Amino acid sequence: NVIASHWTWVITRECPSAWAWKEHTRTVARRAGHTPTLA
């Protein structure tokens, strides 16, 4: 929903996939109460 609402801005990012993945993992980590490493 966030991506769709801001799609014209998201596609101006250097790499929309990297931006979206970072947002996704940040949200999941916050909900889980644990921030895993990239590895």
Full PDB file with SEQRES, HELIX, SHEET, SSBOND, CRYST1, ORIGX, SCALE, CONECT and MASTER records, all heavy atoms in Angstrom:
SEQRES   1 A   39  ASN VAL ILE ALA SER HIS TRP THR TRP VAL ILE THR ARG          
SEQRES   2 A   39  GLU CYS PRO SER ALA TRP ALA TRP LYS GLU HIS THR ARG          
SEQRES   3 A   39  THR VAL ALA ARG ARG ALA GLY HIS THR PRO THR LEU ALA          
HELIX    1 AA1 VAL A    2  SER A    5  1                                   4    
HELIX    2 AA2 TRP A    7  VAL A   10  1                                   4    
HELIX    3 AA3 PRO A   16  ALA A   32  1                                  17    
CRYST1    1.000    1.000    1.000  90.00  90.00  90.00 P 1           1          
ORIGX1      1.000000  0.000000  0.000000        0.00000                         
ORIGX2      0.000000  1.000000  0.000000        0.00000                         
ORIGX3      0.000000  0.000000  1.000000        0.00000                         
SCALE1      1.000000  0.000000  0.000000        0.00000                         
SCALE2      0.000000  1.000000  0.000000        0.00000                         
SCALE3      0.000000  0.000000  1.000000        0.00000                         
ATOM      1  N   ASN A   1       0.834  -1.207   0.000  1.00  0.00           N  
ATOM      2  CA  ASN A   1       0.000   0.000   0.000  1.00  0.00           C  
ATOM      3  C   ASN A   1       0.865   1.253   0.000  1.00  0.00           C  
ATOM      4  O   ASN A   1       0.585   2.221  -0.714  1.00  0.00           O  
ATOM      5  CB  ASN A   1      -0.953   0.010   1.197  1.00  0.00           C  
ATOM      6  CG  ASN A   1      -2.120  -0.924   1.017  1.00  0.00           C  
ATOM      7  OD1 ASN A   1      -2.474  -1.296  -0.101  1.00  0.00           O  
ATOM      8  ND2 ASN A   1      -2.733  -1.316   2.122  1.00  0.00           N  
ATOM      9  N   VAL A   2       1.927   1.244   0.788  1.00  0.00           N  
ATOM     10  CA  VAL A   2       2.860   2.377   0.816  1.00  0.00           C  
ATOM     11  C   VAL A   2       3.540   2.529  -0.542  1.00  0.00           C  
ATOM     12  O   VAL A   2       3.638   3.633  -1.083  1.00  0.00           O  
ATOM     13  CB  VAL A   2       3.909   2.206   1.940  1.00  0.00           C  
ATOM     14  CG1 VAL A   2       5.048   3.209   1.799  1.00  0.00           C  
ATOM     15  CG2 VAL A   2       3.253   2.335   3.305  1.00  0.00           C  
ATOM     16  N   ILE A   3       4.009   1.422  -1.090  1.00  0.00           N  
ATOM     17  CA  ILE A   3       4.678   1.479  -2.397  1.00  0.00           C  
ATOM     18  C   ILE A   3       3.725   2.020  -3.457  1.00  0.00           C  
ATOM     19  O   ILE A   3       4.099   2.901  -4.240  1.00  0.00           O  
ATOM     20  CB  ILE A   3       5.233   0.095  -2.791  1.00  0.00           C  
ATOM     21  CG1 ILE A   3       6.377  -0.300  -1.850  1.00  0.00           C  
ATOM     22  CG2 ILE A   3       5.709   0.096  -4.246  1.00  0.00           C  
ATOM     23  CD1 ILE A   3       6.846  -1.743  -2.020  1.00  0.00           C  
ATOM     24  N   ALA A   4       2.495   1.516  -3.482  1.00  0.00           N  
ATOM     25  CA  ALA A   4       1.519   1.974  -4.483  1.00  0.00           C  
ATOM     26  C   ALA A   4       1.203   3.449  -4.303  1.00  0.00           C  
ATOM     27  O   ALA A   4       1.128   4.194  -5.286  1.00  0.00           O  
ATOM     28  CB  ALA A   4       0.238   1.148  -4.385  1.00  0.00           C  
ATOM     29  N   SER A   5       1.053   3.883  -3.068  1.00  0.00           N  
ATOM     30  CA  SER A   5       0.722   5.296  -2.793  1.00  0.00           C  
ATOM     31  C   SER A   5       1.836   6.249  -3.200  1.00  0.00           C  
ATOM     32  O   SER A   5       1.581   7.403  -3.501  1.00  0.00           O  
ATOM     33  CB  SER A   5       0.438   5.482  -1.304  1.00  0.00           C  
ATOM     34  OG  SER A   5      -0.661   4.714  -0.912  1.00  0.00           O  
ATOM     35  N   HIS A   6       3.052   5.753  -3.185  1.00  0.00           N  
ATOM     36  CA  HIS A   6       4.214   6.598  -3.489  1.00  0.00           C  
ATOM     37  C   HIS A   6       4.982   6.093  -4.711  1.00  0.00           C  
ATOM     38  O   HIS A   6       6.174   6.328  -4.841  1.00  0.00           O  
ATOM     39  CB  HIS A   6       5.143   6.651  -2.276  1.00  0.00           C  
ATOM     40  CG  HIS A   6       4.512   7.237  -1.073  1.00  0.00           C  
ATOM     41  ND1 HIS A   6       3.704   6.514  -0.231  1.00  0.00           N  
ATOM     42  CD2 HIS A   6       4.532   8.498  -0.583  1.00  0.00           C  
ATOM     43  CE1 HIS A   6       3.267   7.288   0.739  1.00  0.00           C  
ATOM     44  NE2 HIS A   6       3.744   8.499   0.548  1.00  0.00           N  
ATOM     45  N   TRP A   7       4.293   5.385  -5.598  1.00  0.00           N  
ATOM     46  CA  TRP A   7       4.958   4.713  -6.714  1.00  0.00           C  
ATOM     47  C   TRP A   7       5.783   5.664  -7.576  1.00  0.00           C  
ATOM     48  O   TRP A   7       6.905   5.338  -7.951  1.00  0.00           O  
ATOM     49  CB  TRP A   7       3.939   3.949  -7.550  1.00  0.00           C  
ATOM     50  CG  TRP A   7       4.567   3.178  -8.669  1.00  0.00           C  
ATOM     51  CD1 TRP A   7       4.375   3.357 -10.002  1.00  0.00           C  
ATOM     52  CD2 TRP A   7       5.511   2.108  -8.551  1.00  0.00           C  
ATOM     53  NE1 TRP A   7       5.128   2.467 -10.726  1.00  0.00           N  
ATOM     54  CE2 TRP A   7       5.842   1.682  -9.850  1.00  0.00           C  
ATOM     55  CE3 TRP A   7       6.117   1.467  -7.473  1.00  0.00           C  
ATOM     56  CZ2 TRP A   7       6.740   0.655 -10.100  1.00  0.00           C  
ATOM     57  CZ3 TRP A   7       7.012   0.429  -7.721  1.00  0.00           C  
ATOM     58  CH2 TRP A   7       7.322   0.037  -9.018  1.00  0.00           C  
ATOM     59  N   THR A   8       5.261   6.824  -7.899  1.00  0.00           N  
ATOM     60  CA  THR A   8       6.033   7.740  -8.761  1.00  0.00           C  
ATOM     61  C   THR A   8       7.311   8.200  -8.070  1.00  0.00           C  
ATOM     62  O   THR A   8       8.302   8.481  -8.733  1.00  0.00           O  
ATOM     63  CB  THR A   8       5.199   8.954  -9.215  1.00  0.00           C  
ATOM     64  OG1 THR A   8       4.682   9.617  -8.071  1.00  0.00           O  
ATOM     65  CG2 THR A   8       4.072   8.531 -10.144  1.00  0.00           C  
ATOM     66  N   TRP A   9       7.311   8.250  -6.739  1.00  0.00           N  
ATOM     67  CA  TRP A   9       8.530   8.594  -5.998  1.00  0.00           C  
ATOM     68  C   TRP A   9       9.447   7.376  -5.912  1.00  0.00           C  
ATOM     69  O   TRP A   9      10.657   7.493  -6.089  1.00  0.00           O  
ATOM     70  CB  TRP A   9       8.170   9.092  -4.589  1.00  0.00           C  
ATOM     71  CG  TRP A   9       9.370   9.396  -3.766  1.00  0.00           C  
ATOM     72  CD1 TRP A   9      10.100  10.550  -3.773  1.00  0.00           C  
ATOM     73  CD2 TRP A   9      10.013   8.524  -2.827  1.00  0.00           C  
ATOM     74  NE1 TRP A   9      11.149  10.449  -2.890  1.00  0.00           N  
ATOM     75  CE2 TRP A   9      11.118   9.215  -2.298  1.00  0.00           C  
ATOM     76  CE3 TRP A   9       9.750   7.234  -2.384  1.00  0.00           C  
ATOM     77  CZ2 TRP A   9      11.964   8.659  -1.345  1.00  0.00           C  
ATOM     78  CZ3 TRP A   9      10.593   6.672  -1.434  1.00  0.00           C  
ATOM     79  CH2 TRP A   9      11.682   7.385  -0.928  1.00  0.00           C  
ATOM     80  N   VAL A  10       8.879   6.202  -5.644  1.00  0.00           N  
ATOM     81  CA  VAL A  10       9.671   4.973  -5.489  1.00  0.00           C  
ATOM     82  C   VAL A  10      10.490   4.701  -6.749  1.00  0.00           C  
ATOM     83  O   VAL A  10      11.668   4.358  -6.664  1.00  0.00           O  
ATOM     84  CB  VAL A  10       8.772   3.761  -5.149  1.00  0.00           C  
ATOM     85  CG1 VAL A  10       9.543   2.444  -5.238  1.00  0.00           C  
ATOM     86  CG2 VAL A  10       8.149   3.926  -3.766  1.00  0.00           C  
ATOM     87  N   ILE A  11       9.880   4.881  -7.907  1.00  0.00           N  
ATOM     88  CA  ILE A  11      10.616   4.563  -9.137  1.00  0.00           C  
ATOM     89  C   ILE A  11      11.703   5.584  -9.466  1.00  0.00           C  
ATOM     90  O   ILE A  11      12.502   5.350 -10.370  1.00  0.00           O  
ATOM     91  CB  ILE A  11       9.681   4.355 -10.349  1.00  0.00           C  
ATOM     92  CG1 ILE A  11       8.857   5.594 -10.627  1.00  0.00           C  
ATOM     93  CG2 ILE A  11       8.820   3.119 -10.134  1.00  0.00           C  
ATOM     94  CD1 ILE A  11       8.025   5.511 -11.898  1.00  0.00           C  
ATOM     95  N   THR A  12      11.764   6.668  -8.713  1.00  0.00           N  
ATOM     96  CA  THR A  12      12.871   7.612  -8.914  1.00  0.00           C  
ATOM     97  C   THR A  12      14.085   7.236  -8.075  1.00  0.00           C  
ATOM     98  O   THR A  12      15.151   7.820  -8.256  1.00  0.00           O  
ATOM     99  CB  THR A  12      12.461   9.060  -8.571  1.00  0.00           C  
ATOM    100  OG1 THR A  12      12.185   9.150  -7.167  1.00  0.00           O  
ATOM    101  CG2 THR A  12      11.274   9.509  -9.398  1.00  0.00           C  
ATOM    102  N   ARG A  13      13.938   6.278  -7.172  1.00  0.00           N  
ATOM    103  CA  ARG A  13      15.071   5.817  -6.354  1.00  0.00           C  
ATOM    104  C   ARG A  13      16.079   5.149  -7.268  1.00  0.00           C  
ATOM    105  O   ARG A  13      15.727   4.613  -8.311  1.00  0.00           O  
ATOM    106  CB  ARG A  13      14.650   4.803  -5.279  1.00  0.00           C  
ATOM    107  CG  ARG A  13      13.590   5.247  -4.291  1.00  0.00           C  
ATOM    108  CD  ARG A  13      13.979   6.424  -3.431  1.00  0.00           C  
ATOM    109  NE  ARG A  13      13.577   7.631  -4.143  1.00  0.00           N  
ATOM    110  CZ  ARG A  13      14.112   8.831  -4.008  1.00  0.00           C  
ATOM    111  NH1 ARG A  13      15.085   9.043  -3.185  1.00  0.00           N  
ATOM    112  NH2 ARG A  13      13.683   9.861  -4.688  1.00  0.00           N  
ATOM    113  N   GLU A  14      17.329   5.148  -6.851  1.00  0.00           N  
ATOM    114  CA  GLU A  14      18.375   4.515  -7.648  1.00  0.00           C  
ATOM    115  C   GLU A  14      18.048   3.055  -7.924  1.00  0.00           C  
ATOM    116  O   GLU A  14      18.244   2.554  -9.021  1.00  0.00           O  
ATOM    117  CB  GLU A  14      19.721   4.619  -6.925  1.00  0.00           C  
ATOM    118  CG  GLU A  14      20.874   4.085  -7.743  1.00  0.00           C  
ATOM    119  CD  GLU A  14      22.209   4.302  -7.065  1.00  0.00           C  
ATOM    120  OE1 GLU A  14      22.349   5.275  -6.312  1.00  0.00           O  
ATOM    121  OE2 GLU A  14      23.112   3.486  -7.312  1.00  0.00           O  
ATOM    122  N   CYS A  15      17.533   2.369  -6.909  1.00  0.00           N  
ATOM    123  CA  CYS A  15      17.137   0.965  -7.079  1.00  0.00           C  
ATOM    124  C   CYS A  15      15.861   0.740  -6.274  1.00  0.00           C  
ATOM    125  O   CYS A  15      15.924   0.504  -5.064  1.00  0.00           O  
ATOM    126  CB  CYS A  15      18.249   0.037  -6.605  1.00  0.00           C  
ATOM    127  SG  CYS A  15      17.842  -1.702  -6.870  1.00  0.00           S  
ATOM    128  N   PRO A  16      14.703   0.815  -6.932  1.00  0.00           N  
ATOM    129  CA  PRO A  16      13.441   0.629  -6.208  1.00  0.00           C  
ATOM    130  C   PRO A  16      13.368  -0.689  -5.429  1.00  0.00           C  
ATOM    131  O   PRO A  16      12.819  -0.731  -4.336  1.00  0.00           O  
ATOM    132  CB  PRO A  16      12.383   0.676  -7.310  1.00  0.00           C  
ATOM    133  CG  PRO A  16      13.004   1.514  -8.377  1.00  0.00           C  
ATOM    134  CD  PRO A  16      14.473   1.161  -8.342  1.00  0.00           C  
ATOM    135  N   SER A  17      13.943  -1.748  -5.970  1.00  0.00           N  
ATOM    136  CA  SER A  17      13.923  -3.034  -5.265  1.00  0.00           C  
ATOM    137  C   SER A  17      14.690  -2.961  -3.952  1.00  0.00           C  
ATOM    138  O   SER A  17      14.245  -3.512  -2.944  1.00  0.00           O  
ATOM    139  CB  SER A  17      14.520  -4.141  -6.135  1.00  0.00           C  
ATOM    140  OG  SER A  17      13.691  -4.389  -7.238  1.00  0.00           O  
ATOM    141  N   ALA A  18      15.830  -2.309  -3.960  1.00  0.00           N  
ATOM    142  CA  ALA A  18      16.616  -2.178  -2.724  1.00  0.00           C  
ATOM    143  C   ALA A  18      15.864  -1.341  -1.696  1.00  0.00           C  
ATOM    144  O   ALA A  18      15.831  -1.677  -0.509  1.00  0.00           O  
ATOM    145  CB  ALA A  18      17.977  -1.555  -3.032  1.00  0.00           C  
ATOM    146  N   TRP A  19      15.251  -0.253  -2.144  1.00  0.00           N  
ATOM    147  CA  TRP A  19      14.483   0.599  -1.225  1.00  0.00           C  
ATOM    148  C   TRP A  19      13.323  -0.195  -0.619  1.00  0.00           C  
ATOM    149  O   TRP A  19      13.122  -0.172   0.603  1.00  0.00           O  
ATOM    150  CB  TRP A  19      13.956   1.838  -1.952  1.00  0.00           C  
ATOM    151  CG  TRP A  19      13.162   2.713  -1.050  1.00  0.00           C  
ATOM    152  CD1 TRP A  19      13.637   3.697  -0.230  1.00  0.00           C  
ATOM    153  CD2 TRP A  19      11.744   2.655  -0.831  1.00  0.00           C  
ATOM    154  NE1 TRP A  19      12.602   4.249   0.485  1.00  0.00           N  
ATOM    155  CE2 TRP A  19      11.431   3.631   0.134  1.00  0.00           C  
ATOM    156  CE3 TRP A  19      10.712   1.867  -1.351  1.00  0.00           C  
ATOM    157  CZ2 TRP A  19      10.129   3.842   0.585  1.00  0.00           C  
ATOM    158  CZ3 TRP A  19       9.418   2.072  -0.901  1.00  0.00           C  
ATOM    159  CH2 TRP A  19       9.136   3.055   0.062  1.00  0.00           C  
ATOM    160  N   ALA A  20      12.571  -0.893  -1.444  1.00  0.00           N  
ATOM    161  CA  ALA A  20      11.406  -1.637  -0.956  1.00  0.00           C  
ATOM    162  C   ALA A  20      11.831  -2.766  -0.013  1.00  0.00           C  
ATOM    163  O   ALA A  20      11.184  -2.988   1.018  1.00  0.00           O  
ATOM    164  CB  ALA A  20      10.607  -2.187  -2.140  1.00  0.00           C  
ATOM    165  N   TRP A  21      12.899  -3.465  -0.347  1.00  0.00           N  
ATOM    166  CA  TRP A  21      13.364  -4.549   0.509  1.00  0.00           C  
ATOM    167  C   TRP A  21      13.791  -4.005   1.881  1.00  0.00           C  
ATOM    168  O   TRP A  21      13.491  -4.602   2.921  1.00  0.00           O  
ATOM    169  CB  TRP A  21      14.505  -5.320  -0.141  1.00  0.00           C  
ATOM    170  CG  TRP A  21      14.975  -6.448   0.721  1.00  0.00           C  
ATOM    171  CD1 TRP A  21      16.135  -6.527   1.416  1.00  0.00           C  
ATOM    172  CD2 TRP A  21      14.267  -7.670   0.999  1.00  0.00           C  
ATOM    173  NE1 TRP A  21      16.201  -7.712   2.110  1.00  0.00           N  
ATOM    174  CE2 TRP A  21      15.057  -8.427   1.870  1.00  0.00           C  
ATOM    175  CE3 TRP A  21      13.033  -8.178   0.597  1.00  0.00           C  
ATOM    176  CZ2 TRP A  21      14.671  -9.675   2.346  1.00  0.00           C  
ATOM    177  CZ3 TRP A  21      12.650  -9.422   1.073  1.00  0.00           C  
ATOM    178  CH2 TRP A  21      13.457 -10.149   1.936  1.00  0.00           C  
ATOM    179  N   LYS A  22      14.490  -2.905   1.881  1.00  0.00           N  
ATOM    180  CA  LYS A  22      14.926  -2.297   3.144  1.00  0.00           C  
ATOM    181  C   LYS A  22      13.714  -1.923   4.000  1.00  0.00           C  
ATOM    182  O   LYS A  22      13.691  -2.176   5.205  1.00  0.00           O  
ATOM    183  CB  LYS A  22      15.789  -1.069   2.865  1.00  0.00           C  
ATOM    184  CG  LYS A  22      16.391  -0.462   4.098  1.00  0.00           C  
ATOM    185  CD  LYS A  22      17.320   0.683   3.724  1.00  0.00           C  
ATOM    186  CE  LYS A  22      17.927   1.300   4.963  1.00  0.00           C  
ATOM    187  NZ  LYS A  22      18.839   2.392   4.640  1.00  0.00           N  
ATOM    188  N   GLU A  23      12.699  -1.337   3.385  1.00  0.00           N  
ATOM    189  CA  GLU A  23      11.478  -0.984   4.119  1.00  0.00           C  
ATOM    190  C   GLU A  23      10.795  -2.241   4.651  1.00  0.00           C  
ATOM    191  O   GLU A  23      10.312  -2.269   5.779  1.00  0.00           O  
ATOM    192  CB  GLU A  23      10.507  -0.216   3.218  1.00  0.00           C  
ATOM    193  CG  GLU A  23      10.971   1.182   2.890  1.00  0.00           C  
ATOM    194  CD  GLU A  23      11.163   2.044   4.125  1.00  0.00           C  
ATOM    195  OE1 GLU A  23      10.243   2.117   4.968  1.00  0.00           O  
ATOM    196  OE2 GLU A  23      12.252   2.636   4.269  1.00  0.00           O  
ATOM    197  N   HIS A  24      10.760  -3.266   3.831  1.00  0.00           N  
ATOM    198  CA  HIS A  24      10.104  -4.519   4.224  1.00  0.00           C  
ATOM    199  C   HIS A  24      10.813  -5.157   5.415  1.00  0.00           C  
ATOM    200  O   HIS A  24      10.177  -5.499   6.415  1.00  0.00           O  
ATOM    201  CB  HIS A  24      10.069  -5.478   3.034  1.00  0.00           C  
ATOM    202  CG  HIS A  24       9.420  -6.783   3.322  1.00  0.00           C  
ATOM    203  ND1 HIS A  24       8.176  -6.901   3.896  1.00  0.00           N  
ATOM    204  CD2 HIS A  24       9.855  -8.056   3.122  1.00  0.00           C  
ATOM    205  CE1 HIS A  24       7.858  -8.174   4.031  1.00  0.00           C  
ATOM    206  NE2 HIS A  24       8.862  -8.895   3.571  1.00  0.00           N  
ATOM    207  N   THR A  25      12.127  -5.319   5.323  1.00  0.00           N  
ATOM    208  CA  THR A  25      12.862  -5.977   6.400  1.00  0.00           C  
ATOM    209  C   THR A  25      12.834  -5.144   7.677  1.00  0.00           C  
ATOM    210  O   THR A  25      12.781  -5.705   8.774  1.00  0.00           O  
ATOM    211  CB  THR A  25      14.307  -6.295   5.988  1.00  0.00           C  
ATOM    212  OG1 THR A  25      14.975  -5.099   5.580  1.00  0.00           O  
ATOM    213  CG2 THR A  25      14.339  -7.328   4.866  1.00  0.00           C  
ATOM    214  N   ARG A  26      12.841  -3.837   7.551  1.00  0.00           N  
ATOM    215  CA  ARG A  26      12.756  -2.963   8.723  1.00  0.00           C  
ATOM    216  C   ARG A  26      11.405  -3.153   9.428  1.00  0.00           C  
ATOM    217  O   ARG A  26      11.343  -3.259  10.646  1.00  0.00           O  
ATOM    218  CB  ARG A  26      12.941  -1.499   8.311  1.00  0.00           C  
ATOM    219  CG  ARG A  26      13.031  -0.562   9.486  1.00  0.00           C  
ATOM    220  CD  ARG A  26      13.204   0.873   9.069  1.00  0.00           C  
ATOM    221  NE  ARG A  26      14.107   0.978   7.928  1.00  0.00           N  
ATOM    222  CZ  ARG A  26      14.299   2.068   7.224  1.00  0.00           C  
ATOM    223  NH1 ARG A  26      13.660   3.169   7.515  1.00  0.00           N  
ATOM    224  NH2 ARG A  26      15.128   2.090   6.214  1.00  0.00           N  
ATOM    225  N   THR A  27      10.343  -3.204   8.657  1.00  0.00           N  
ATOM    226  CA  THR A  27       9.000  -3.392   9.224  1.00  0.00           C  
ATOM    227  C   THR A  27       8.870  -4.760   9.884  1.00  0.00           C  
ATOM    228  O   THR A  27       8.357  -4.877  10.995  1.00  0.00           O  
ATOM    229  CB  THR A  27       7.934  -3.226   8.118  1.00  0.00           C  
ATOM    230  OG1 THR A  27       8.044  -1.920   7.572  1.00  0.00           O  
ATOM    231  CG2 THR A  27       6.540  -3.438   8.668  1.00  0.00           C  
ATOM    232  N   VAL A  28       9.340  -5.792   9.213  1.00  0.00           N  
ATOM    233  CA  VAL A  28       9.265  -7.143   9.767  1.00  0.00           C  
ATOM    234  C   VAL A  28      10.096  -7.228  11.050  1.00  0.00           C  
ATOM    235  O   VAL A  28       9.651  -7.798  12.046  1.00  0.00           O  
ATOM    236  CB  VAL A  28       9.704  -8.198   8.730  1.00  0.00           C  
ATOM    237  CG1 VAL A  28       9.861  -9.576   9.364  1.00  0.00           C  
ATOM    238  CG2 VAL A  28       8.704  -8.249   7.575  1.00  0.00           C  
ATOM    239  N   ALA A  29      11.281  -6.655  11.040  1.00  0.00           N  
ATOM    240  CA  ALA A  29      12.142  -6.677  12.236  1.00  0.00           C  
ATOM    241  C   ALA A  29      11.463  -5.973  13.407  1.00  0.00           C  
ATOM    242  O   ALA A  29      11.510  -6.454  14.543  1.00  0.00           O  
ATOM    243  CB  ALA A  29      13.485  -6.032  11.924  1.00  0.00           C  
ATOM    244  N   ARG A  30      10.846  -4.848  13.132  1.00  0.00           N  
ATOM    245  CA  ARG A  30      10.155  -4.099  14.184  1.00  0.00           C  
ATOM    246  C   ARG A  30       9.014  -4.946  14.758  1.00  0.00           C  
ATOM    247  O   ARG A  30       8.838  -5.027  15.971  1.00  0.00           O  
ATOM    248  CB  ARG A  30       9.641  -2.773  13.633  1.00  0.00           C  
ATOM    249  CG  ARG A  30       9.112  -1.845  14.683  1.00  0.00           C  
ATOM    250  CD  ARG A  30       8.798  -0.444  14.172  1.00  0.00           C  
ATOM    251  NE  ARG A  30       7.976  -0.426  12.971  1.00  0.00           N  
ATOM    252  CZ  ARG A  30       8.387   0.009  11.775  1.00  0.00           C  
ATOM    253  NH1 ARG A  30       9.600   0.468  11.608  1.00  0.00           N  
ATOM    254  NH2 ARG A  30       7.567  -0.011  10.744  1.00  0.00           N  
ATOM    255  N   ARG A  31       8.256  -5.596  13.907  1.00  0.00           N  
ATOM    256  CA  ARG A  31       7.143  -6.437  14.366  1.00  0.00           C  
ATOM    257  C   ARG A  31       7.649  -7.670  15.116  1.00  0.00           C  
ATOM    258  O   ARG A  31       7.017  -8.132  16.061  1.00  0.00           O  
ATOM    259  CB  ARG A  31       6.277  -6.878  13.189  1.00  0.00           C  
ATOM    260  CG  ARG A  31       5.404  -5.783  12.630  1.00  0.00           C  
ATOM    261  CD  ARG A  31       4.627  -6.301  11.413  1.00  0.00           C  
ATOM    262  NE  ARG A  31       3.716  -5.318  10.909  1.00  0.00           N  
ATOM    263  CZ  ARG A  31       2.461  -5.157  11.339  1.00  0.00           C  
ATOM    264  NH1 ARG A  31       1.992  -5.924  12.288  1.00  0.00           N  
ATOM    265  NH2 ARG A  31       1.701  -4.227  10.817  1.00  0.00           N  
ATOM    266  N   ALA A  32       8.775  -8.216  14.689  1.00  0.00           N  
ATOM    267  CA  ALA A  32       9.323  -9.427  15.307  1.00  0.00           C  
ATOM    268  C   ALA A  32      10.096  -9.130  16.581  1.00  0.00           C  
ATOM    269  O   ALA A  32      10.334 -10.028  17.392  1.00  0.00           O  
ATOM    270  CB  ALA A  32      10.222 -10.157  14.306  1.00  0.00           C  
ATOM    271  N   GLY A  33      10.535  -7.886  16.738  1.00  0.00           N  
ATOM    272  CA  GLY A  33      11.333  -7.538  17.909  1.00  0.00           C  
ATOM    273  C   GLY A  33      12.774  -7.993  17.808  1.00  0.00           C  
ATOM    274  O   GLY A  33      13.478  -8.114  18.806  1.00  0.00           O  
ATOM    275  N   HIS A  34      13.240  -8.258  16.598  1.00  0.00           N  
ATOM    276  CA  HIS A  34      14.612  -8.729  16.366  1.00  0.00           C  
ATOM    277  C   HIS A  34      15.063  -8.252  14.987  1.00  0.00           C  
ATOM    278  O   HIS A  34      14.341  -8.432  14.009  1.00  0.00           O  
ATOM    279  CB  HIS A  34      14.667 -10.255  16.426  1.00  0.00           C  
ATOM    280  CG  HIS A  34      15.948 -10.835  15.923  1.00  0.00           C  
ATOM    281  ND1 HIS A  34      17.135 -10.727  16.610  1.00  0.00           N  
ATOM    282  CD2 HIS A  34      16.237 -11.517  14.796  1.00  0.00           C  
ATOM    283  CE1 HIS A  34      18.094 -11.320  15.919  1.00  0.00           C  
ATOM    284  NE2 HIS A  34      17.569 -11.809  14.809  1.00  0.00           N  
ATOM    285  N   THR A  35      16.250  -7.675  14.933  1.00  0.00           N  
ATOM    286  CA  THR A  35      16.794  -7.219  13.659  1.00  0.00           C  
ATOM    287  C   THR A  35      17.909  -8.157  13.220  1.00  0.00           C  
ATOM    288  O   THR A  35      19.013  -8.111  13.765  1.00  0.00           O  
ATOM    289  CB  THR A  35      17.336  -5.775  13.776  1.00  0.00           C  
ATOM    290  OG1 THR A  35      16.286  -4.934  14.237  1.00  0.00           O  
ATOM    291  CG2 THR A  35      17.849  -5.276  12.435  1.00  0.00           C  
ATOM    292  N   PRO A  36      17.629  -9.030  12.256  1.00  0.00           N  
ATOM    293  CA  PRO A  36      18.673  -9.935  11.773  1.00  0.00           C  
ATOM    294  C   PRO A  36      19.698  -9.187  10.924  1.00  0.00           C  
ATOM    295  O   PRO A  36      19.427  -8.111  10.395  1.00  0.00           O  
ATOM    296  CB  PRO A  36      17.906 -10.949  10.927  1.00  0.00           C  
ATOM    297  CG  PRO A  36      16.643 -10.267  10.545  1.00  0.00           C  
ATOM    298  CD  PRO A  36      16.357  -9.238  11.595  1.00  0.00           C  
ATOM    299  N   THR A  37      20.868  -9.776  10.791  1.00  0.00           N  
ATOM    300  CA  THR A  37      21.892  -9.190   9.933  1.00  0.00           C  
ATOM    301  C   THR A  37      21.530  -9.446   8.470  1.00  0.00           C  
ATOM    302  O   THR A  37      20.688 -10.299   8.168  1.00  0.00           O  
ATOM    303  CB  THR A  37      23.275  -9.814  10.211  1.00  0.00           C  
ATOM    304  OG1 THR A  37      23.231 -11.192   9.825  1.00  0.00           O  
ATOM    305  CG2 THR A  37      23.672  -9.673  11.680  1.00  0.00           C  
ATOM    306  N   LEU A  38      22.189  -8.729   7.584  1.00  0.00           N  
ATOM    307  CA  LEU A  38      21.987  -8.976   6.149  1.00  0.00           C  
ATOM    308  C   LEU A  38      22.346 -10.413   5.797  1.00  0.00           C  
ATOM    309  O   LEU A  38      21.675 -11.052   4.986  1.00  0.00           O  
ATOM    310  CB  LEU A  38      22.834  -8.007   5.317  1.00  0.00           C  
ATOM    311  CG  LEU A  38      22.452  -6.530   5.373  1.00  0.00           C  
ATOM    312  CD1 LEU A  38      23.474  -5.690   4.628  1.00  0.00           C  
ATOM    313  CD2 LEU A  38      21.070  -6.323   4.799  1.00  0.00           C  
ATOM    314  N   ALA A  39      23.404 -10.918   6.420  1.00  0.00           N  
ATOM    315  CA  ALA A  39      23.822 -12.296   6.146  1.00  0.00           C  
ATOM    316  C   ALA A  39      22.759 -13.289   6.625  1.00  0.00           C  
ATOM    317  O   ALA A  39      22.464 -14.267   5.930  1.00  0.00           O  
ATOM    318  CB  ALA A  39      25.174 -12.576   6.816  1.00  0.00           C  
TER     319      ALA A  39                                                      
MASTER        0    0    0    3    0    0    0    6  318    1    0    3          
END                                                                             
